[in-house]
Amino acid sequence: MSTSDLIRELCCKQNISLAKLARRIGQSKQNLYKKMLRDTLTLDEIKQIADVLGVKFEQSFTLSSGEQMKIVNG
């Protein structure tokens, strides 16, 4: 599942339209749609989206030992 697919699913679960999400992160609806279509959202934009949707965003690296190094927002 792509990042854009996850965001669409989160919006559905949080009962917020993509247009409303775009406004809340300071972008036009068209700009957000294009970025989601191309799957070119930046890490900062993804963090903003998580904040707006009230969810925790995590990004991690997993070492060969199994140890995880996480970037957590929220």
PDB file of N, CA and C in Angstrom:
ATOM      1  N   MET A   1       0.858  -1.172   0.000  1.00  0.00           N
ATOM      2  CA  MET A   1       0.000   0.000   0.000  1.00  0.00           C
ATOM      3  C   MET A   1       0.907   1.240   0.000  1.00  0.00           C
ATOM      4  N   SER A   2       0.609   2.168  -0.845  1.00  0.00           N
ATOM      5  CA  SER A   2       1.412   3.393  -0.944  1.00  0.00           C
ATOM      6  C   SER A   2       1.057   4.367   0.179  1.00  0.00           C
ATOM      7  N   THR A   3       1.909   5.345   0.372  1.00  0.00           N
ATOM      8  CA  THR A   3       1.654   6.393   1.355  1.00  0.00           C
ATOM      9  C   THR A   3       0.336   7.099   1.042  1.00  0.00           C
ATOM     10  N   SER A   4       0.108   7.381  -0.226  1.00  0.00           N
ATOM     11  CA  SER A   4      -1.126   8.060  -0.634  1.00  0.00           C
ATOM     12  C   SER A   4      -2.356   7.218  -0.307  1.00  0.00           C
ATOM     13  N   ASP A   5      -2.260   5.906  -0.531  1.00  0.00           N
ATOM     14  CA  ASP A   5      -3.372   5.014  -0.189  1.00  0.00           C
ATOM     15  C   ASP A   5      -3.650   5.038   1.312  1.00  0.00           C
ATOM     16  N   LEU A   6      -2.576   5.035   2.107  1.00  0.00           N
ATOM     17  CA  LEU A   6      -2.744   5.091   3.554  1.00  0.00           C
ATOM     18  C   LEU A   6      -3.418   6.393   3.986  1.00  0.00           C
ATOM     19  N   ILE A   7      -3.015   7.489   3.382  1.00  0.00           N
ATOM     20  CA  ILE A   7      -3.607   8.785   3.724  1.00  0.00           C
ATOM     21  C   ILE A   7      -5.081   8.811   3.351  1.00  0.00           C
ATOM     22  N   ARG A   8      -5.426   8.281   2.193  1.00  0.00           N
ATOM     23  CA  ARG A   8      -6.842   8.214   1.799  1.00  0.00           C
ATOM     24  C   ARG A   8      -7.651   7.391   2.812  1.00  0.00           C
ATOM     25  N   GLU A   9      -7.084   6.266   3.227  1.00  0.00           N
ATOM     26  CA  GLU A   9      -7.772   5.409   4.190  1.00  0.00           C
ATOM     27  C   GLU A   9      -7.916   6.114   5.546  1.00  0.00           C
ATOM     28  N   LEU A  10      -6.855   6.800   5.976  1.00  0.00           N
ATOM     29  CA  LEU A  10      -6.926   7.558   7.232  1.00  0.00           C
ATOM     30  C   LEU A  10      -7.992   8.641   7.160  1.00  0.00           C
ATOM     31  N   CYS A  11      -8.042   9.352   6.038  1.00  0.00           N
ATOM     32  CA  CYS A  11      -9.057  10.399   5.868  1.00  0.00           C
ATOM     33  C   CYS A  11     -10.454   9.808   5.976  1.00  0.00           C
ATOM     34  N   CYS A  12     -10.638   8.669   5.360  1.00  0.00           N
ATOM     35  CA  CYS A  12     -11.940   8.005   5.418  1.00  0.00           C
ATOM     36  C   CYS A  12     -12.289   7.643   6.863  1.00  0.00           C
ATOM     37  N   LYS A  13     -11.326   7.067   7.582  1.00  0.00           N
ATOM     38  CA  LYS A  13     -11.572   6.659   8.973  1.00  0.00           C
ATOM     39  C   LYS A  13     -11.775   7.865   9.893  1.00  0.00           C
ATOM     40  N   GLN A  14     -11.132   8.989   9.571  1.00  0.00           N
ATOM     41  CA  GLN A  14     -11.255  10.188  10.394  1.00  0.00           C
ATOM     42  C   GLN A  14     -12.380  11.100   9.893  1.00  0.00           C
ATOM     43  N   ASN A  15     -13.073  10.657   8.847  1.00  0.00           N
ATOM     44  CA  ASN A  15     -14.208  11.393   8.285  1.00  0.00           C
ATOM     45  C   ASN A  15     -13.819  12.813   7.861  1.00  0.00           C
ATOM     46  N   ILE A  16     -12.732  12.918   7.094  1.00  0.00           N
ATOM     47  CA  ILE A  16     -12.278  14.202   6.571  1.00  0.00           C
ATOM     48  C   ILE A  16     -11.991  14.029   5.079  1.00  0.00           C
ATOM     49  N   SER A  17     -12.434  14.969   4.303  1.00  0.00           N
ATOM     50  CA  SER A  17     -12.202  14.890   2.859  1.00  0.00           C
ATOM     51  C   SER A  17     -10.773  15.316   2.536  1.00  0.00           C
ATOM     52  N   LEU A  18     -10.282  14.894   1.387  1.00  0.00           N
ATOM     53  CA  LEU A  18      -8.945  15.307   0.951  1.00  0.00           C
ATOM     54  C   LEU A  18      -8.893  16.814   0.743  1.00  0.00           C
ATOM     55  N   ALA A  19      -9.989  17.396   0.290  1.00  0.00           N
ATOM     56  CA  ALA A  19     -10.043  18.848   0.091  1.00  0.00           C
ATOM     57  C   ALA A  19      -9.881  19.581   1.428  1.00  0.00           C
ATOM     58  N   LYS A  20     -10.558  19.088   2.459  1.00  0.00           N
ATOM     59  CA  LYS A  20     -10.447  19.699   3.786  1.00  0.00           C
ATOM     60  C   LYS A  20      -9.047  19.491   4.358  1.00  0.00           C
ATOM     61  N   LEU A  21      -8.483  18.308   4.134  1.00  0.00           N
ATOM     62  CA  LEU A  21      -7.121  18.036   4.581  1.00  0.00           C
ATOM     63  C   LEU A  21      -6.146  19.007   3.921  1.00  0.00           C
ATOM     64  N   ALA A  22      -6.309  19.207   2.628  1.00  0.00           N
ATOM     65  CA  ALA A  22      -5.438  20.130   1.895  1.00  0.00           C
ATOM     66  C   ALA A  22      -5.488  21.526   2.509  1.00  0.00           C
ATOM     67  N   ARG A  23      -6.697  22.007   2.776  1.00  0.00           N
ATOM     68  CA  ARG A  23      -6.839  23.341   3.382  1.00  0.00           C
ATOM     69  C   ARG A  23      -6.137  23.412   4.734  1.00  0.00           C
ATOM     70  N   ARG A  24      -6.289  22.366   5.517  1.00  0.00           N
ATOM     71  CA  ARG A  24      -5.723  22.371   6.867  1.00  0.00           C
ATOM     72  C   ARG A  24      -4.194  22.318   6.874  1.00  0.00           C
ATOM     73  N   ILE A  25      -3.591  21.812   5.793  1.00  0.00           N
ATOM     74  CA  ILE A  25      -2.126  21.798   5.733  1.00  0.00           C
ATOM     75  C   ILE A  25      -1.599  22.930   4.854  1.00  0.00           C
ATOM     76  N   GLY A  26      -2.506  23.825   4.451  1.00  0.00           N
ATOM     77  CA  GLY A  26      -2.088  25.020   3.717  1.00  0.00           C
ATOM     78  C   GLY A  26      -1.768  24.805   2.259  1.00  0.00           C
ATOM     79  N   GLN A  27      -2.418  23.816   1.641  1.00  0.00           N
ATOM     80  CA  GLN A  27      -2.213  23.557   0.218  1.00  0.00           C
ATOM     81  C   GLN A  27      -3.534  23.620  -0.521  1.00  0.00           C
ATOM     82  N   SER A  28      -3.443  23.825  -1.811  1.00  0.00           N
ATOM     83  CA  SER A  28      -4.658  23.746  -2.621  1.00  0.00           C
ATOM     84  C   SER A  28      -5.032  22.273  -2.798  1.00  0.00           C
ATOM     85  N   LYS A  29      -6.295  22.054  -3.029  1.00  0.00           N
ATOM     86  CA  LYS A  29      -6.781  20.693  -3.265  1.00  0.00           C
ATOM     87  C   LYS A  29      -6.059  20.081  -4.454  1.00  0.00           C
ATOM     88  N   GLN A  30      -5.880  20.864  -5.510  1.00  0.00           N
ATOM     89  CA  GLN A  30      -5.238  20.368  -6.721  1.00  0.00           C
ATOM     90  C   GLN A  30      -3.785  19.960  -6.461  1.00  0.00           C
ATOM     91  N   ASN A  31      -3.075  20.779  -5.684  1.00  0.00           N
ATOM     92  CA  ASN A  31      -1.679  20.475  -5.393  1.00  0.00           C
ATOM     93  C   ASN A  31      -1.560  19.178  -4.592  1.00  0.00           C
ATOM     94  N   LEU A  32      -2.405  19.022  -3.569  1.00  0.00           N
ATOM     95  CA  LEU A  32      -2.364  17.796  -2.770  1.00  0.00           C
ATOM     96  C   LEU A  32      -2.719  16.592  -3.634  1.00  0.00           C
ATOM     97  N   TYR A  33      -3.742  16.696  -4.458  1.00  0.00           N
ATOM     98  CA  TYR A  33      -4.134  15.587  -5.327  1.00  0.00           C
ATOM     99  C   TYR A  33      -2.979  15.178  -6.237  1.00  0.00           C
ATOM    100  N   LYS A  34      -2.287  16.162  -6.819  1.00  0.00           N
ATOM    101  CA  LYS A  34      -1.165  15.851  -7.715  1.00  0.00           C
ATOM    102  C   LYS A  34      -0.048  15.140  -6.970  1.00  0.00           C
ATOM    103  N   LYS A  35       0.268  15.627  -5.775  1.00  0.00           N
ATOM    104  CA  LYS A  35       1.328  14.994  -4.988  1.00  0.00           C
ATOM    105  C   LYS A  35       0.944  13.574  -4.597  1.00  0.00           C
ATOM    106  N   MET A  36      -0.319  13.375  -4.266  1.00  0.00           N
ATOM    107  CA  MET A  36      -0.761  12.034  -3.902  1.00  0.00           C
ATOM    108  C   MET A  36      -0.785  11.118  -5.121  1.00  0.00           C
ATOM    109  N   LEU A  37      -1.174  11.643  -6.256  1.00  0.00           N
ATOM    110  CA  LEU A  37      -1.196  10.853  -7.487  1.00  0.00           C
ATOM    111  C   LEU A  37       0.206  10.376  -7.849  1.00  0.00           C
ATOM    112  N   ARG A  38       1.172  11.269  -7.678  1.00  0.00           N
ATOM    113  CA  ARG A  38       2.564  10.942  -8.017  1.00  0.00           C
ATOM    114  C   ARG A  38       3.304  10.288  -6.846  1.00  0.00           C
ATOM    115  N   ASP A  39       2.662  10.269  -5.680  1.00  0.00           N
ATOM    116  CA  ASP A  39       3.262   9.754  -4.447  1.00  0.00           C
ATOM    117  C   ASP A  39       4.561  10.493  -4.135  1.00  0.00           C
ATOM    118  N   THR A  40       4.473  11.845  -4.177  1.00  0.00           N
ATOM    119  CA  THR A  40       5.650  12.686  -3.957  1.00  0.00           C
ATOM    120  C   THR A  40       5.517  13.594  -2.726  1.00  0.00           C
ATOM    121  N   LEU A  41       4.748  13.170  -1.758  1.00  0.00           N
ATOM    122  CA  LEU A  41       4.623  13.947  -0.529  1.00  0.00           C
ATOM    123  C   LEU A  41       5.948  13.921   0.221  1.00  0.00           C
ATOM    124  N   THR A  42       6.326  15.057   0.785  1.00  0.00           N
ATOM    125  CA  THR A  42       7.566  15.123   1.556  1.00  0.00           C
ATOM    126  C   THR A  42       7.321  14.604   2.971  1.00  0.00           C
ATOM    127  N   LEU A  43       8.397  14.318   3.670  1.00  0.00           N
ATOM    128  CA  LEU A  43       8.286  13.860   5.041  1.00  0.00           C
ATOM    129  C   LEU A  43       7.614  14.920   5.911  1.00  0.00           C
ATOM    130  N   ASP A  44       7.953  16.180   5.698  1.00  0.00           N
ATOM    131  CA  ASP A  44       7.311  17.257   6.458  1.00  0.00           C
ATOM    132  C   ASP A  44       5.809  17.314   6.189  1.00  0.00           C
ATOM    133  N   GLU A  45       5.409  17.116   4.939  1.00  0.00           N
ATOM    134  CA  GLU A  45       3.972  17.121   4.610  1.00  0.00           C
ATOM    135  C   GLU A  45       3.264  15.946   5.275  1.00  0.00           C
ATOM    136  N   ILE A  46       3.912  14.795   5.294  1.00  0.00           N
ATOM    137  CA  ILE A  46       3.315  13.620   5.934  1.00  0.00           C
ATOM    138  C   ILE A  46       3.154  13.865   7.432  1.00  0.00           C
ATOM    139  N   LYS A  47       4.145  14.512   8.049  1.00  0.00           N
ATOM    140  CA  LYS A  47       4.038  14.845   9.473  1.00  0.00           C
ATOM    141  C   LYS A  47       2.902  15.828   9.723  1.00  0.00           C
ATOM    142  N   GLN A  48       2.743  16.818   8.834  1.00  0.00           N
ATOM    143  CA  GLN A  48       1.624  17.771   8.958  1.00  0.00           C
ATOM    144  C   GLN A  48       0.290  17.044   8.857  1.00  0.00           C
ATOM    145  N   ILE A  49       0.201  16.135   7.915  1.00  0.00           N
ATOM    146  CA  ILE A  49      -1.033  15.366   7.715  1.00  0.00           C
ATOM    147  C   ILE A  49      -1.348  14.563   8.968  1.00  0.00           C
ATOM    148  N   ALA A  50      -0.337  13.924   9.549  1.00  0.00           N
ATOM    149  CA  ALA A  50      -0.546  13.158  10.782  1.00  0.00           C
ATOM    150  C   ALA A  50      -1.067  14.061  11.892  1.00  0.00           C
ATOM    151  N   ASP A  51      -0.488  15.248  12.018  1.00  0.00           N
ATOM    152  CA  ASP A  51      -0.938  16.189  13.046  1.00  0.00           C
ATOM    153  C   ASP A  51      -2.394  16.582  12.833  1.00  0.00           C
ATOM    154  N   VAL A  52      -2.746  16.908  11.598  1.00  0.00           N
ATOM    155  CA  VAL A  52      -4.118  17.319  11.271  1.00  0.00           C
ATOM    156  C   VAL A  52      -5.105  16.185  11.546  1.00  0.00           C
ATOM    157  N   LEU A  53      -4.698  14.959  11.231  1.00  0.00           N
ATOM    158  CA  LEU A  53      -5.596  13.819  11.408  1.00  0.00           C
ATOM    159  C   LEU A  53      -5.583  13.288  12.840  1.00  0.00           C
ATOM    160  N   GLY A  54      -4.682  13.818  13.667  1.00  0.00           N
ATOM    161  CA  GLY A  54      -4.632  13.391  15.061  1.00  0.00           C
ATOM    162  C   GLY A  54      -4.107  11.980  15.245  1.00  0.00           C
ATOM    163  N   VAL A  55      -3.160  11.589  14.393  1.00  0.00           N
ATOM    164  CA  VAL A  55      -2.572  10.251  14.478  1.00  0.00           C
ATOM    165  C   VAL A  55      -1.066  10.360  14.672  1.00  0.00           C
ATOM    166  N   LYS A  56      -0.461   9.290  15.140  1.00  0.00           N
ATOM    167  CA  LYS A  56       0.981   9.244  15.332  1.00  0.00           C
ATOM    168  C   LYS A  56       1.613   8.683  14.057  1.00  0.00           C
ATOM    169  N   PHE A  57       2.663   9.346  13.593  1.00  0.00           N
ATOM    170  CA  PHE A  57       3.397   8.892  12.411  1.00  0.00           C
ATOM    171  C   PHE A  57       4.753   8.382  12.864  1.00  0.00           C
ATOM    172  N   GLU A  58       5.117   7.174  12.437  1.00  0.00           N
ATOM    173  CA  GLU A  58       6.413   6.597  12.750  1.00  0.00           C
ATOM    174  C   GLU A  58       7.120   6.194  11.474  1.00  0.00           C
ATOM    175  N   GLN A  59       8.407   6.384  11.467  1.00  0.00           N
ATOM    176  CA  GLN A  59       9.245   5.938  10.362  1.00  0.00           C
ATOM    177  C   GLN A  59      10.439   5.263  11.012  1.00  0.00           C
ATOM    178  N   SER A  60      10.869   4.133  10.465  1.00  0.00           N
ATOM    179  CA  SER A  60      11.962   3.434  11.137  1.00  0.00           C
ATOM    180  C   SER A  60      12.900   2.740  10.161  1.00  0.00           C
ATOM    181  N   PHE A  61      14.085   2.486  10.657  1.00  0.00           N
ATOM    182  CA  PHE A  61      15.067   1.648   9.985  1.00  0.00           C
ATOM    183  C   PHE A  61      15.233   0.409  10.855  1.00  0.00           C
ATOM    184  N   THR A  62      15.341  -0.756  10.225  1.00  0.00           N
ATOM    185  CA  THR A  62      15.572  -1.987  10.964  1.00  0.00           C
ATOM    186  C   THR A  62      16.934  -2.537  10.588  1.00  0.00           C
ATOM    187  N   LEU A  63      17.797  -2.654  11.567  1.00  0.00           N
ATOM    188  CA  LEU A  63      19.139  -3.174  11.353  1.00  0.00           C
ATOM    189  C   LEU A  63      19.094  -4.693  11.197  1.00  0.00           C
ATOM    190  N   SER A  64      20.143  -5.266  10.659  1.00  0.00           N
ATOM    191  CA  SER A  64      20.169  -6.717  10.454  1.00  0.00           C
ATOM    192  C   SER A  64      20.035  -7.475  11.775  1.00  0.00           C
ATOM    193  N   SER A  65      20.401  -6.837  12.885  1.00  0.00           N
ATOM    194  CA  SER A  65      20.267  -7.459  14.208  1.00  0.00           C
ATOM    195  C   SER A  65      18.818  -7.479  14.695  1.00  0.00           C
ATOM    196  N   GLY A  66      17.959  -6.745  13.984  1.00  0.00           N
ATOM    197  CA  GLY A  66      16.568  -6.637  14.386  1.00  0.00           C
ATOM    198  C   GLY A  66      16.283  -5.364  15.157  1.00  0.00           C
ATOM    199  N   GLU A  67      17.332  -4.651  15.562  1.00  0.00           N
ATOM    200  CA  GLU A  67      17.164  -3.393  16.277  1.00  0.00           C
ATOM    201  C   GLU A  67      16.505  -2.378  15.368  1.00  0.00           C
ATOM    202  N   GLN A  68      15.548  -1.636  15.907  1.00  0.00           N
ATOM    203  CA  GLN A  68      14.855  -0.611  15.137  1.00  0.00           C
ATOM    204  C   GLN A  68      15.254   0.771  15.623  1.00  0.00           C
ATOM    205  N   MET A  69      15.445   1.651  14.657  1.00  0.00           N
ATOM    206  CA  MET A  69      15.700   3.060  14.941  1.00  0.00           C
ATOM    207  C   MET A  69      14.516   3.805  14.350  1.00  0.00           C
ATOM    208  N   LYS A  70      13.763   4.507  15.215  1.00  0.00           N
ATOM    209  CA  LYS A  70      12.501   5.124  14.781  1.00  0.00           C
ATOM    210  C   LYS A  70      12.554   6.635  14.811  1.00  0.00           C
ATOM    211  N   ILE A  71      11.845   7.206  13.865  1.00  0.00           N
ATOM    212  CA  ILE A  71      11.519   8.632  13.853  1.00  0.00           C
ATOM    213  C   ILE A  71      10.043   8.694  14.183  1.00  0.00           C
ATOM    214  N   VAL A  72       9.707   9.358  15.267  1.00  0.00           N
ATOM    215  CA  VAL A  72       8.312   9.376  15.706  1.00  0.00           C
ATOM    216  C   VAL A  72       7.816  10.815  15.715  1.00  0.00           C
ATOM    217  N   ASN A  73       6.616  11.004  15.191  1.00  0.00           N
ATOM    218  CA  ASN A  73       5.947  12.298  15.237  1.00  0.00           C
ATOM    219  C   ASN A  73       4.641  12.119  15.967  1.00  0.00           C
ATOM    220  N   GLY A  74       4.389  12.926  16.950  1.00  0.00           N
ATOM    221  CA  GLY A  74       3.101  12.865  17.642  1.00  0.00           C
ATOM    222  C   GLY A  74       3.153  12.249  18.929  1.00  0.00           C
TER     223      GLY A  74
END
